[in-house]
Amino acid sequence: MCRQALKAKRDCCVFSLSGLQEPYANKQSNKRKMSLRKVNISILIVAVVIFLLVLHHNFLGLSDFLKRELTDANPLGLQPVDFIPAVPQRLADERNDKEISVVIAASDERLGGAIAAMNSIYHHTRSNVVFHIVTLNDTVDHLRLWLSNSALKNLRYRILDFDPRVLEGKIEVDPQKADTLKPLTFARFYLPSLVPHAEKAIYVDDDVIVQDDILELYNTPLKPGHAAAFSDDCDSITNKVAVRGAGNQYNYIGFLDYKKETIRKLAMKANTCSFNPGVIVANLTEWKLQNITKQLEKWMALNVVEQLYSRTLAGSITTPPLLIVFYKQHSSIDPMWNVRHLGSTAGKRYSPQFVKAAKLLHWNGHFKPWGRTASYAEVWEKWYIPDPTGKFSLIRRHSEAYEAK
């Protein structure tokens, strides 16, 4: 009896113990599941935090990049207005990968000239040309509409709005001739700010057309220490061209007043051959190292005070400071890349064969190719694209239409 009672009691204890172990095991399993869930949540939170940190870092980098893009030109009041970043892939495959920066000023009353110049450059090269078009704010919409023309739709360009206030105190404004002052003519003084990320650039006036590959001009060799290359006025093609009413505009005395002590102290020979700044090949790295822009501004400001420019100067107020700063410190451009004085007279200075062989034709002077009496205007007109707004028109067309009636 006692033995049976003990066995029953032992069985009861075993049963009771096993019954207690089962909920304990379930509780431990639940704890493990909760721990795993907490670990997963923690991992997820860490991943989200890392993702947000990476996103924040990229956003800050983008912000800095955009800030640099906007502030590069701020000292001049230049702001990028428009930019076509790439040409269609088919055209990109056909063209040279080398990027060539070409700077051109585009005032509203001469906009047709800039359009013809860019059109001629684009259609004579396979290089990757980017045009940096400097204009005034009220011209931007007109220019953008014109550039949307089908013949120009593949141009790569950047429009820059030039703030004339940058010239305050640096040029003398004659109240009676205020309308003749053209702020954009001084854009060439600020090339590193116009093309901040390029090491080299080309500047061309708006009264030119190009008849050869601009890459050849871009590859003009510049001597060590030279920030720019120009075409000399004493070269074999344009030797001693006199402009009526402007004196001898092929040497320094035609541009600077050698009666002024400030000019005499520079010890520059008066018969030194001058150069034409309508076509420039610039080493922008050297330009910045020598602080060329500040030097040019210095002489502009001094002229306001001391009247250093020649009295016989025919309105070319951009040339004298360049002549001073680059005295015997510039390289030379092949004369065929600036065949000029086409606008000096109404008559034809050169033979048709020579004009055809020229690599760049320049209508500097009073007679522009969009005017009534310019020589070889028909050569220029091949590259002119009519203004879709009708605002700009060829003067001679109106005259011819009138005469035909």
Protein backbone atom coordinates (compact mmCIF):
# COMPACT_ATOMS: atom_id res chain seq x y z
CA MET A 1 0.00 0.00 0.00
CA CYS A 2 2.72 2.38 0.96
CA ARG A 3 4.73 1.44 -2.13
CA GLN A 4 1.72 2.12 -4.42
CA ALA A 5 1.04 5.44 -2.71
CA LEU A 6 4.63 6.59 -3.24
CA LYS A 7 4.53 5.65 -6.93
CA ALA A 8 1.29 7.53 -7.45
CA LYS A 9 2.74 10.56 -5.72
CA ARG A 10 5.90 10.39 -7.91
CA ASP A 11 3.84 10.12 -11.10
CA CYS A 12 1.79 13.08 -10.02
CA CYS A 13 4.92 15.14 -9.45
CA VAL A 14 6.35 14.19 -12.87
CA PHE A 15 3.08 15.07 -14.56
CA SER A 16 2.96 18.38 -12.71
CA LEU A 17 6.58 19.21 -13.65
CA SER A 18 6.11 18.44 -17.34
CA GLY A 19 2.98 20.53 -17.32
CA LEU A 20 4.92 23.46 -15.94
CA GLN A 21 7.80 23.08 -18.46
CA GLU A 22 5.55 23.45 -21.57
CA PRO A 23 4.34 27.07 -20.99
CA TYR A 24 7.86 27.98 -19.90
CA ALA A 25 9.24 26.79 -23.25
CA ASN A 26 6.57 28.74 -25.15
CA LYS A 27 7.46 31.84 -23.18
CA GLN A 28 11.16 31.47 -24.05
CA SER A 29 10.30 31.02 -27.75
CA ASN A 30 8.21 34.17 -27.73
CA LYS A 31 11.05 36.08 -26.10
CA ARG A 32 13.44 34.91 -28.86
CA LYS A 33 10.97 36.01 -31.53
CA MET A 34 10.58 39.42 -29.93
CA SER A 35 14.37 39.79 -29.72
CA LEU A 36 14.75 38.94 -33.41
CA ARG A 37 11.97 41.40 -34.29
CA LYS A 38 13.77 44.12 -32.31
CA VAL A 39 17.05 43.34 -34.09
CA ASN A 40 15.35 43.53 -37.51
CA ILE A 41 13.73 46.84 -36.61
CA SER A 42 17.08 48.18 -35.40
CA ILE A 43 18.80 47.10 -38.62
CA LEU A 44 16.03 48.75 -40.64
CA ILE A 45 16.34 51.99 -38.67
CA VAL A 46 20.13 52.03 -39.16
CA ALA A 47 19.70 51.43 -42.91
CA VAL A 48 17.18 54.28 -43.18
CA VAL A 49 19.49 56.62 -41.25
CA ILE A 50 22.45 55.73 -43.53
CA PHE A 51 20.29 56.29 -46.63
CA LEU A 52 19.16 59.70 -45.35
CA LEU A 53 22.75 60.69 -44.56
CA VAL A 54 23.90 59.73 -48.07
CA LEU A 55 20.97 61.58 -49.61
CA HIS A 56 21.72 64.66 -47.49
CA HIS A 57 25.40 64.57 -48.49
CA ASN A 58 24.52 64.36 -52.18
CA PHE A 59 22.03 67.19 -51.84
CA LEU A 60 24.66 69.39 -50.20
CA GLY A 61 27.11 68.56 -52.98
CA LEU A 62 24.53 69.47 -55.61
CA SER A 63 23.74 72.70 -53.79
CA ASP A 64 27.42 73.64 -53.69
CA PHE A 65 27.76 72.89 -57.39
CA LEU A 66 24.77 75.03 -58.28
CA LYS A 67 26.04 77.79 -56.02
CA ARG A 68 29.40 77.75 -57.82
CA GLU A 69 27.64 77.88 -61.19
CA LEU A 70 25.75 81.00 -60.17
CA THR A 71 28.55 82.79 -58.34
CA ASP A 72 31.32 82.31 -60.90
CA ALA A 73 30.00 85.25 -62.89
CA ASN A 74 28.51 87.26 -60.05
CA PRO A 75 31.32 89.83 -59.83
CA LEU A 76 30.33 90.94 -63.34
CA GLY A 77 26.61 90.58 -62.95
CA LEU A 78 26.71 87.76 -65.50
CA GLN A 79 24.10 85.07 -65.09
CA PRO A 80 23.64 81.97 -67.25
CA VAL A 81 20.20 82.26 -68.80
CA ASP A 82 20.02 79.25 -71.04
CA PHE A 83 22.15 76.26 -71.93
CA ILE A 84 21.73 73.34 -74.30
CA PRO A 85 24.00 70.73 -72.71
CA ALA A 86 24.30 68.23 -75.51
CA VAL A 87 23.74 67.65 -79.18
CA PRO A 88 21.77 64.62 -80.45
CA GLN A 89 23.77 61.40 -80.20
CA ARG A 90 23.98 61.01 -83.97
CA LEU A 91 25.60 64.41 -84.33
CA ALA A 92 27.80 63.84 -81.30
CA ASP A 93 29.18 60.67 -82.93
CA GLU A 94 29.95 62.57 -86.13
CA ARG A 95 31.69 65.50 -84.43
CA ASN A 96 35.07 65.82 -82.76
CA ASP A 97 34.97 65.38 -78.96
CA LYS A 98 37.24 68.39 -78.37
CA GLU A 99 35.16 71.18 -76.84
CA ILE A 100 35.86 74.64 -78.23
CA SER A 101 34.54 77.65 -76.34
CA VAL A 102 33.60 80.55 -78.61
CA VAL A 103 32.55 83.86 -77.04
CA ILE A 104 30.48 86.34 -79.05
CA ALA A 105 28.58 89.48 -78.07
CA ALA A 106 25.03 89.86 -79.38
CA SER A 107 23.39 93.26 -79.10
CA ASP A 108 19.80 93.54 -80.26
CA GLU A 109 20.47 95.97 -83.11
CA ARG A 110 23.25 93.68 -84.46
CA LEU A 111 21.74 90.33 -83.59
CA GLY A 112 21.62 89.20 -87.21
CA GLY A 113 25.39 89.52 -87.38
CA ALA A 114 25.92 87.22 -84.41
CA ILE A 115 23.48 84.69 -85.88
CA ALA A 116 25.34 84.62 -89.22
CA ALA A 117 28.72 84.32 -87.46
CA MET A 118 27.60 81.34 -85.36
CA ASN A 119 25.93 79.67 -88.33
CA SER A 120 29.11 79.92 -90.42
CA ILE A 121 31.28 78.56 -87.59
CA TYR A 122 28.98 75.63 -86.90
CA HIS A 123 28.70 74.53 -90.52
CA HIS A 124 32.45 74.57 -91.14
CA THR A 125 33.55 72.35 -88.28
CA ARG A 126 33.13 68.86 -86.92
CA SER A 127 34.41 69.99 -83.54
CA ASN A 128 32.29 70.24 -80.42
CA VAL A 129 31.76 74.02 -80.34
CA VAL A 130 29.99 75.68 -77.41
CA PHE A 131 28.92 79.29 -77.97
CA HIS A 132 28.93 81.66 -74.99
CA ILE A 133 26.63 84.44 -76.16
CA VAL A 134 26.91 87.65 -74.16
CA THR A 135 23.89 89.93 -74.40
CA LEU A 136 21.71 92.33 -72.45
CA ASN A 137 18.61 91.31 -70.56
CA ASP A 138 16.12 92.82 -73.01
CA THR A 139 17.60 90.78 -75.90
CA VAL A 140 17.43 87.32 -74.30
CA ASP A 141 13.92 86.35 -75.47
CA HIS A 142 14.55 87.60 -79.01
CA LEU A 143 17.82 85.67 -79.20
CA ARG A 144 16.34 82.45 -77.83
CA LEU A 145 13.51 82.55 -80.35
CA TRP A 146 15.92 83.12 -83.23
CA LEU A 147 18.16 80.25 -82.10
CA SER A 148 15.18 77.90 -82.10
CA ASN A 149 15.18 78.15 -85.90
CA SER A 150 15.59 74.69 -87.45
CA ALA A 151 18.95 75.59 -89.04
CA LEU A 152 20.37 76.38 -85.60
CA LYS A 153 18.56 73.90 -83.37
CA ASN A 154 21.67 71.75 -82.86
CA LEU A 155 23.86 74.59 -81.64
CA ARG A 156 25.27 74.18 -78.16
CA TYR A 157 25.13 77.52 -76.44
CA ARG A 158 24.98 79.42 -73.18
CA ILE A 159 23.38 82.85 -72.97
CA LEU A 160 24.92 85.31 -70.52
CA ASP A 161 23.20 88.48 -69.39
CA PHE A 162 25.80 91.27 -69.14
CA ASP A 163 25.28 93.93 -66.48
CA PRO A 164 26.51 97.33 -67.82
CA ARG A 165 26.98 98.57 -64.25
CA VAL A 166 30.30 96.70 -64.16
CA LEU A 167 31.65 99.49 -66.39
CA GLU A 168 30.77 102.33 -64.02
CA GLY A 169 33.76 104.60 -63.48
CA LYS A 170 35.72 102.84 -66.23
CA ILE A 171 34.31 104.53 -69.31
CA GLU A 172 33.46 108.14 -70.00
CA VAL A 173 29.85 108.67 -71.00
CA ASP A 174 29.24 111.65 -73.27
CA PRO A 175 25.63 112.80 -72.60
CA GLN A 176 25.35 113.87 -76.25
CA LYS A 177 26.54 110.47 -77.48
CA ALA A 178 25.12 108.17 -74.82
CA ASP A 179 23.34 106.07 -77.44
CA THR A 180 26.63 105.29 -79.19
CA LEU A 181 28.12 103.60 -76.12
CA LYS A 182 27.97 99.84 -76.54
CA PRO A 183 28.63 98.02 -73.23
CA LEU A 184 28.93 94.64 -74.93
CA THR A 185 32.06 95.73 -76.80
CA PHE A 186 33.86 95.36 -73.46
CA ALA A 187 32.74 91.75 -72.94
CA ARG A 188 36.08 90.51 -74.35
CA PHE A 189 37.84 92.05 -71.32
CA TYR A 190 36.12 89.54 -69.04
CA LEU A 191 36.78 86.25 -70.85
CA PRO A 192 37.71 84.14 -67.77
CA SER A 193 34.42 85.11 -66.11
CA LEU A 194 32.45 84.36 -69.27
CA VAL A 195 34.03 80.91 -69.64
CA PRO A 196 35.06 80.09 -66.05
CA HIS A 197 35.87 76.40 -66.54
CA ALA A 198 37.79 76.57 -69.85
CA GLU A 199 41.56 76.80 -70.21
CA LYS A 200 41.35 78.32 -73.68
CA ALA A 201 38.73 80.23 -75.65
CA ILE A 202 38.11 82.15 -78.85
CA TYR A 203 36.46 85.55 -79.01
CA VAL A 204 35.00 86.86 -82.28
CA ASP A 205 33.16 90.06 -83.14
CA ASP A 206 29.61 89.84 -84.46
CA ASP A 207 30.58 91.20 -87.91
CA VAL A 208 32.56 88.17 -89.06
CA ILE A 209 31.91 84.94 -90.91
CA VAL A 210 34.14 81.86 -90.84
CA GLN A 211 34.98 79.89 -93.97
CA ASP A 212 37.17 77.15 -92.48
CA ASP A 213 37.35 74.85 -89.46
CA ILE A 214 37.44 76.91 -86.25
CA LEU A 215 39.57 74.14 -84.73
CA GLU A 216 42.55 75.46 -86.71
CA LEU A 217 42.14 78.90 -85.13
CA TYR A 218 41.69 77.32 -81.69
CA ASN A 219 44.99 75.47 -82.14
CA THR A 220 46.91 78.71 -82.73
CA PRO A 221 50.13 78.28 -80.72
CA LEU A 222 50.65 80.82 -77.94
CA LYS A 223 54.15 81.50 -76.68
CA PRO A 224 54.96 80.80 -73.00
CA GLY A 225 53.71 83.65 -70.82
CA HIS A 226 51.33 84.99 -73.48
CA ALA A 227 47.69 85.25 -72.47
CA ALA A 228 46.34 86.03 -75.95
CA ALA A 229 46.98 85.99 -79.68
CA PHE A 230 45.83 88.70 -82.12
CA SER A 231 46.20 89.48 -85.80
CA ASP A 232 48.73 92.30 -86.26
CA ASP A 233 47.73 95.32 -88.32
CA CYS A 234 51.12 95.38 -90.09
CA ASP A 235 50.79 91.91 -91.59
CA SER A 236 51.19 91.45 -95.34
CA ILE A 237 47.43 91.49 -96.00
CA THR A 238 46.27 94.59 -94.12
CA ASN A 239 49.52 96.56 -94.13
CA LYS A 240 49.02 100.26 -93.38
CA VAL A 241 45.31 100.52 -93.91
CA ALA A 242 44.26 104.08 -93.17
CA VAL A 243 40.70 104.72 -92.06
CA ARG A 244 39.40 108.10 -93.15
CA GLY A 245 39.20 110.46 -90.18
CA ALA A 246 40.98 108.04 -87.89
CA GLY A 247 44.64 108.75 -88.60
CA ASN A 248 47.13 105.91 -88.89
CA GLN A 249 45.28 103.02 -87.31
CA TYR A 250 48.00 100.47 -87.92
CA ASN A 251 50.36 101.60 -85.14
CA TYR A 252 50.18 102.70 -81.51
CA ILE A 253 50.20 106.42 -82.18
CA GLY A 254 46.87 106.02 -83.97
CA PHE A 255 45.25 104.85 -80.73
CA LEU A 256 47.13 106.54 -77.87
CA ASP A 257 47.92 110.17 -77.07
CA TYR A 258 51.70 110.31 -76.84
CA LYS A 259 51.51 113.89 -75.58
CA LYS A 260 50.31 112.53 -72.22
CA GLU A 261 53.05 111.88 -69.68
CA THR A 262 51.39 108.66 -68.47
CA ILE A 263 51.69 107.20 -71.97
CA ARG A 264 55.27 108.42 -72.47
CA LYS A 265 56.35 106.82 -69.17
CA LEU A 266 55.36 103.42 -70.55
CA ALA A 267 58.22 103.69 -73.05
CA MET A 268 56.17 102.10 -75.81
CA LYS A 269 57.38 102.96 -79.30
CA ALA A 270 54.78 105.01 -81.14
CA ASN A 271 55.41 103.20 -84.42
CA THR A 272 54.80 99.77 -82.87
CA CYS A 273 52.38 97.76 -84.98
CA SER A 274 48.92 97.63 -83.45
CA PHE A 275 46.63 94.62 -83.58
CA ASN A 276 42.95 94.01 -84.15
CA PRO A 277 40.99 92.71 -81.11
CA GLY A 278 38.00 91.52 -83.15
CA VAL A 279 39.41 87.98 -83.13
CA ILE A 280 41.19 86.71 -80.02
CA VAL A 281 42.61 83.33 -79.07
CA ALA A 282 43.01 83.43 -75.29
CA ASN A 283 44.92 81.28 -72.83
CA LEU A 284 42.54 81.78 -69.92
CA THR A 285 44.86 80.17 -67.40
CA GLU A 286 47.58 82.69 -68.22
CA TRP A 287 44.98 85.48 -68.40
CA LYS A 288 43.95 84.80 -64.81
CA LEU A 289 47.52 84.38 -63.56
CA GLN A 290 48.47 87.79 -64.96
CA ASN A 291 45.21 89.37 -63.80
CA ILE A 292 44.65 90.79 -67.29
CA THR A 293 41.09 91.91 -66.59
CA LYS A 294 42.19 94.08 -63.65
CA GLN A 295 44.97 95.59 -65.75
CA LEU A 296 42.50 96.49 -68.49
CA GLU A 297 40.10 98.04 -65.99
CA LYS A 298 42.94 100.09 -64.53
CA TRP A 299 43.70 101.70 -67.90
CA MET A 300 40.04 102.24 -68.63
CA ALA A 301 39.64 104.15 -65.35
CA LEU A 302 42.82 106.15 -65.95
CA ASN A 303 41.56 107.22 -69.36
CA VAL A 304 38.40 108.61 -67.78
CA VAL A 305 40.59 110.88 -65.65
CA GLU A 306 43.48 111.64 -68.00
CA GLN A 307 42.09 111.22 -71.54
CA LEU A 308 44.86 108.88 -72.69
CA TYR A 309 43.30 107.71 -75.95
CA SER A 310 44.08 109.39 -79.27
CA ARG A 311 41.71 112.18 -80.30
CA THR A 312 41.69 110.82 -83.85
CA LEU A 313 40.35 107.48 -82.67
CA ALA A 314 37.37 106.37 -84.75
CA GLY A 315 35.27 105.16 -81.83
CA SER A 316 37.37 102.07 -81.03
CA ILE A 317 37.61 102.63 -77.28
CA THR A 318 38.24 98.93 -76.57
CA THR A 319 41.54 98.75 -78.48
CA PRO A 320 43.79 101.22 -76.51
CA PRO A 321 43.78 99.42 -73.14
CA LEU A 322 44.44 96.12 -74.92
CA LEU A 323 47.39 97.66 -76.76
CA ILE A 324 48.88 98.86 -73.47
CA VAL A 325 48.41 95.63 -71.53
CA PHE A 326 49.58 93.36 -74.35
CA TYR A 327 52.48 95.51 -75.57
CA LYS A 328 55.02 93.03 -76.96
CA GLN A 329 53.32 90.36 -74.87
CA HIS A 330 51.02 88.62 -77.33
CA SER A 331 51.25 85.91 -79.95
CA SER A 332 50.13 86.22 -83.56
CA ILE A 333 47.14 84.81 -85.42
CA ASP A 334 47.47 83.69 -89.03
CA PRO A 335 46.42 86.78 -91.08
CA MET A 336 44.00 84.64 -93.09
CA TRP A 337 42.04 84.14 -89.87
CA ASN A 338 41.23 87.86 -89.69
CA VAL A 339 40.90 89.32 -93.18
CA ARG A 340 39.50 92.67 -92.14
CA HIS A 341 38.63 96.18 -93.26
CA LEU A 342 35.80 94.83 -95.40
CA GLY A 343 33.66 97.46 -93.69
CA SER A 344 36.12 100.35 -93.99
CA THR A 345 34.90 101.46 -97.40
CA ALA A 346 31.94 100.75 -99.64
CA GLY A 347 34.24 99.55 -102.43
CA LYS A 348 35.85 96.14 -102.78
CA ARG A 349 39.38 96.05 -101.36
CA TYR A 350 40.11 92.42 -102.21
CA SER A 351 39.65 90.20 -105.25
CA PRO A 352 36.87 87.59 -105.22
CA GLN A 353 39.51 84.85 -105.31
CA PHE A 354 41.22 86.21 -102.20
CA VAL A 355 37.92 86.61 -100.35
CA LYS A 356 37.05 83.02 -101.18
CA ALA A 357 40.41 81.81 -99.83
CA ALA A 358 40.12 83.77 -96.56
CA LYS A 359 39.40 81.69 -93.47
CA LEU A 360 37.65 84.49 -91.59
CA LEU A 361 36.14 87.64 -93.11
CA HIS A 362 35.78 90.68 -90.88
CA TRP A 363 33.59 93.69 -91.74
CA ASN A 364 35.14 96.04 -89.17
CA GLY A 365 34.40 99.67 -89.95
CA HIS A 366 31.25 101.67 -90.67
CA PHE A 367 29.86 99.52 -93.50
CA LYS A 368 28.34 96.35 -92.07
CA PRO A 369 27.31 93.40 -94.27
CA TRP A 370 23.68 93.73 -93.22
CA GLY A 371 23.74 97.33 -94.45
CA ARG A 372 23.14 98.82 -97.86
CA THR A 373 26.66 99.45 -99.23
CA ALA A 374 28.97 96.84 -97.66
CA SER A 375 31.44 95.05 -99.92
CA TYR A 376 30.94 91.33 -100.46
CA ALA A 377 27.67 91.44 -98.55
CA GLU A 378 26.45 88.54 -100.70
CA VAL A 379 29.18 86.32 -99.18
CA TRP A 380 27.99 87.17 -95.68
CA GLU A 381 24.33 86.76 -96.59
CA LYS A 382 24.80 83.06 -97.38
CA TRP A 383 25.05 82.48 -93.63
CA TYR A 384 22.34 84.88 -92.53
CA ILE A 385 19.11 83.35 -91.21
CA PRO A 386 16.07 85.65 -91.36
CA ASP A 387 14.69 86.87 -88.05
CA PRO A 388 11.45 84.96 -87.29
CA THR A 389 10.11 88.05 -85.50
CA GLY A 390 10.90 90.39 -88.41
CA LYS A 391 12.52 92.84 -85.99
CA PHE A 392 15.94 92.60 -87.64
CA SER A 393 16.10 93.02 -91.40
CA LEU A 394 18.69 93.64 -94.08
CA ILE A 395 18.64 97.34 -94.92
CA ARG A 396 19.50 96.86 -98.57
CA ARG A 397 16.48 94.63 -99.08
CA HIS A 398 14.14 97.51 -98.20
CA SER A 399 16.05 99.81 -100.53
CA GLU A 400 16.00 97.33 -103.40
CA ALA A 401 12.31 96.66 -102.90
CA TYR A 402 11.62 100.40 -102.98
CA GLU A 403 13.66 100.88 -106.15
CA ALA A 404 11.88 97.98 -107.83
CA LYS A 405 8.46 99.64 -107.37
